[in-house]
Amino acid sequence: MNKNLFEEISNYIVKTVQEESTLEGFPYTISYAVIQERFGKEIDEYINDKIIEATSKKEEVADIFTDTDGFDITLYNDNNK
């Protein structure tokens, strides 16, 4: 696995939340299945940690964590920056 893949997944996650989330400031879940299908990779603990690491560094991300379904991401809205 290379760093570019984690960055690509991270970019996809942020873009998806920006486009699909209807509630600013609230978590939006992207399932593991969606990531696995789109990128063809099983999400093991190492990959999970690297995705969280890459995504949490993005300035638009307020919070990211995982639950049993996938990644829960909260983005900053314009008023919170």
C-alpha atoms as a PDB file:
ATOM      1  CA  MET A   1       0.000   0.000   0.000  1.00  0.00           C
ATOM      2  CA  ASN A   2       1.321   3.399  -0.784  1.00  0.00           C
ATOM      3  CA  LYS A   3       0.619   6.772   0.727  1.00  0.00           C
ATOM      4  CA  ASN A   4      -1.067   7.962  -2.479  1.00  0.00           C
ATOM      5  CA  LEU A   5      -3.826   5.389  -2.079  1.00  0.00           C
ATOM      6  CA  PHE A   6      -4.627   6.609   1.439  1.00  0.00           C
ATOM      7  CA  GLU A   7      -4.636  10.198   0.195  1.00  0.00           C
ATOM      8  CA  GLU A   8      -6.929   9.221  -2.684  1.00  0.00           C
ATOM      9  CA  ILE A   9      -9.335   7.476  -0.297  1.00  0.00           C
ATOM     10  CA  SER A  10      -9.196  10.470   2.043  1.00  0.00           C
ATOM     11  CA  ASN A  11      -9.997  12.874  -0.810  1.00  0.00           C
ATOM     12  CA  TYR A  12     -12.896  10.655  -1.863  1.00  0.00           C
ATOM     13  CA  ILE A  13     -14.281  10.603   1.692  1.00  0.00           C
ATOM     14  CA  VAL A  14     -14.152  14.387   2.079  1.00  0.00           C
ATOM     15  CA  LYS A  15     -15.635  15.024  -1.372  1.00  0.00           C
ATOM     16  CA  THR A  16     -18.440  12.531  -0.754  1.00  0.00           C
ATOM     17  CA  VAL A  17     -19.343  14.132   2.567  1.00  0.00           C
ATOM     18  CA  GLN A  18     -19.283  17.605   0.988  1.00  0.00           C
ATOM     19  CA  GLU A  19     -21.583  16.477  -1.821  1.00  0.00           C
ATOM     20  CA  GLU A  20     -23.969  14.163   0.022  1.00  0.00           C
ATOM     21  CA  SER A  21     -24.291  15.409   3.587  1.00  0.00           C
ATOM     22  CA  THR A  22     -27.387  17.512   4.157  1.00  0.00           C
ATOM     23  CA  LEU A  23     -26.692  18.463   7.786  1.00  0.00           C
ATOM     24  CA  GLU A  24     -23.685  20.691   8.397  1.00  0.00           C
ATOM     25  CA  GLY A  25     -21.788  20.002  11.594  1.00  0.00           C
ATOM     26  CA  PHE A  26     -23.188  16.491  12.025  1.00  0.00           C
ATOM     27  CA  PRO A  27     -21.400  13.192  11.332  1.00  0.00           C
ATOM     28  CA  TYR A  28     -21.883  11.532   7.970  1.00  0.00           C
ATOM     29  CA  THR A  29     -21.098   7.828   7.644  1.00  0.00           C
ATOM     30  CA  ILE A  30     -19.304   6.301   4.701  1.00  0.00           C
ATOM     31  CA  SER A  31     -19.477   2.539   4.943  1.00  0.00           C
ATOM     32  CA  TYR A  32     -16.512   0.240   4.715  1.00  0.00           C
ATOM     33  CA  ALA A  33     -18.324  -1.570   1.898  1.00  0.00           C
ATOM     34  CA  VAL A  34     -18.390   1.586  -0.246  1.00  0.00           C
ATOM     35  CA  ILE A  35     -14.657   2.136   0.224  1.00  0.00           C
ATOM     36  CA  GLN A  36     -13.888  -1.524  -0.405  1.00  0.00           C
ATOM     37  CA  GLU A  37     -15.996  -1.592  -3.568  1.00  0.00           C
ATOM     38  CA  ARG A  38     -14.606   1.656  -4.956  1.00  0.00           C
ATOM     39  CA  PHE A  39     -10.938   0.999  -4.182  1.00  0.00           C
ATOM     40  CA  GLY A  40     -10.844  -2.798  -4.193  1.00  0.00           C
ATOM     41  CA  LYS A  41      -9.194  -3.054  -0.781  1.00  0.00           C
ATOM     42  CA  GLU A  42     -10.267  -4.836   2.376  1.00  0.00           C
ATOM     43  CA  ILE A  43     -10.267  -2.403   5.276  1.00  0.00           C
ATOM     44  CA  ASP A  44      -8.072  -3.984   7.914  1.00  0.00           C
ATOM     45  CA  GLU A  45      -6.827  -2.213  11.050  1.00  0.00           C
ATOM     46  CA  TYR A  46      -3.678  -0.873   9.363  1.00  0.00           C
ATOM     47  CA  ILE A  47      -5.577   0.560   6.381  1.00  0.00           C
ATOM     48  CA  ASN A  48      -8.253   1.930   8.700  1.00  0.00           C
ATOM     49  CA  ASP A  49      -5.624   3.764  10.766  1.00  0.00           C
ATOM     50  CA  LYS A  50      -3.904   5.178   7.673  1.00  0.00           C
ATOM     51  CA  ILE A  51      -7.197   6.441   6.231  1.00  0.00           C
ATOM     52  CA  ILE A  52      -8.044   8.136   9.530  1.00  0.00           C
ATOM     53  CA  GLU A  53      -4.551   9.636   9.695  1.00  0.00           C
ATOM     54  CA  ALA A  54      -4.746  11.049   6.155  1.00  0.00           C
ATOM     55  CA  THR A  55      -8.311  12.313   6.521  1.00  0.00           C
ATOM     56  CA  SER A  56      -7.856  13.943   9.925  1.00  0.00           C
ATOM     57  CA  LYS A  57      -5.044  16.117   8.491  1.00  0.00           C
ATOM     58  CA  LYS A  58      -7.419  17.821   6.060  1.00  0.00           C
ATOM     59  CA  GLU A  59      -8.394  21.330   7.148  1.00  0.00           C
ATOM     60  CA  GLU A  60     -12.080  20.812   6.364  1.00  0.00           C
ATOM     61  CA  VAL A  61     -12.352  17.775   8.688  1.00  0.00           C
ATOM     62  CA  ALA A  62     -13.569  18.538  12.202  1.00  0.00           C
ATOM     63  CA  ASP A  63     -13.673  14.899  13.342  1.00  0.00           C
ATOM     64  CA  ILE A  64     -13.343  11.364  12.020  1.00  0.00           C
ATOM     65  CA  PHE A  65     -13.819   8.085  13.813  1.00  0.00           C
ATOM     66  CA  THR A  66     -14.954   4.588  13.013  1.00  0.00           C
ATOM     67  CA  ASP A  67     -17.824   2.470  14.182  1.00  0.00           C
ATOM     68  CA  THR A  68     -19.092  -0.920  13.108  1.00  0.00           C
ATOM     69  CA  ASP A  69     -20.451   0.433   9.816  1.00  0.00           C
ATOM     70  CA  GLY A  70     -17.656   2.635   8.570  1.00  0.00           C
ATOM     71  CA  PHE A  71     -16.122   6.066   8.894  1.00  0.00           C
ATOM     72  CA  ASP A  72     -18.086   8.817  10.640  1.00  0.00           C
ATOM     73  CA  ILE A  73     -16.872  12.182   9.386  1.00  0.00           C
ATOM     74  CA  THR A  74     -17.827  15.663  10.517  1.00  0.00           C
ATOM     75  CA  LEU A  75     -16.694  18.591   8.412  1.00  0.00           C
ATOM     76  CA  TYR A  76     -16.363  22.166   9.578  1.00  0.00           C
ATOM     77  CA  ASN A  77     -19.047  24.413   8.205  1.00  0.00           C
ATOM     78  CA  ASP A  78     -18.197  27.968   7.157  1.00  0.00           C
ATOM     79  CA  ASN A  79     -19.266  29.351  10.551  1.00  0.00           C
ATOM     80  CA  ASN A  80     -17.008  27.023  12.570  1.00  0.00           C
ATOM     81  CA  LYS A  81     -13.678  27.773  10.895  1.00  0.00           C
END
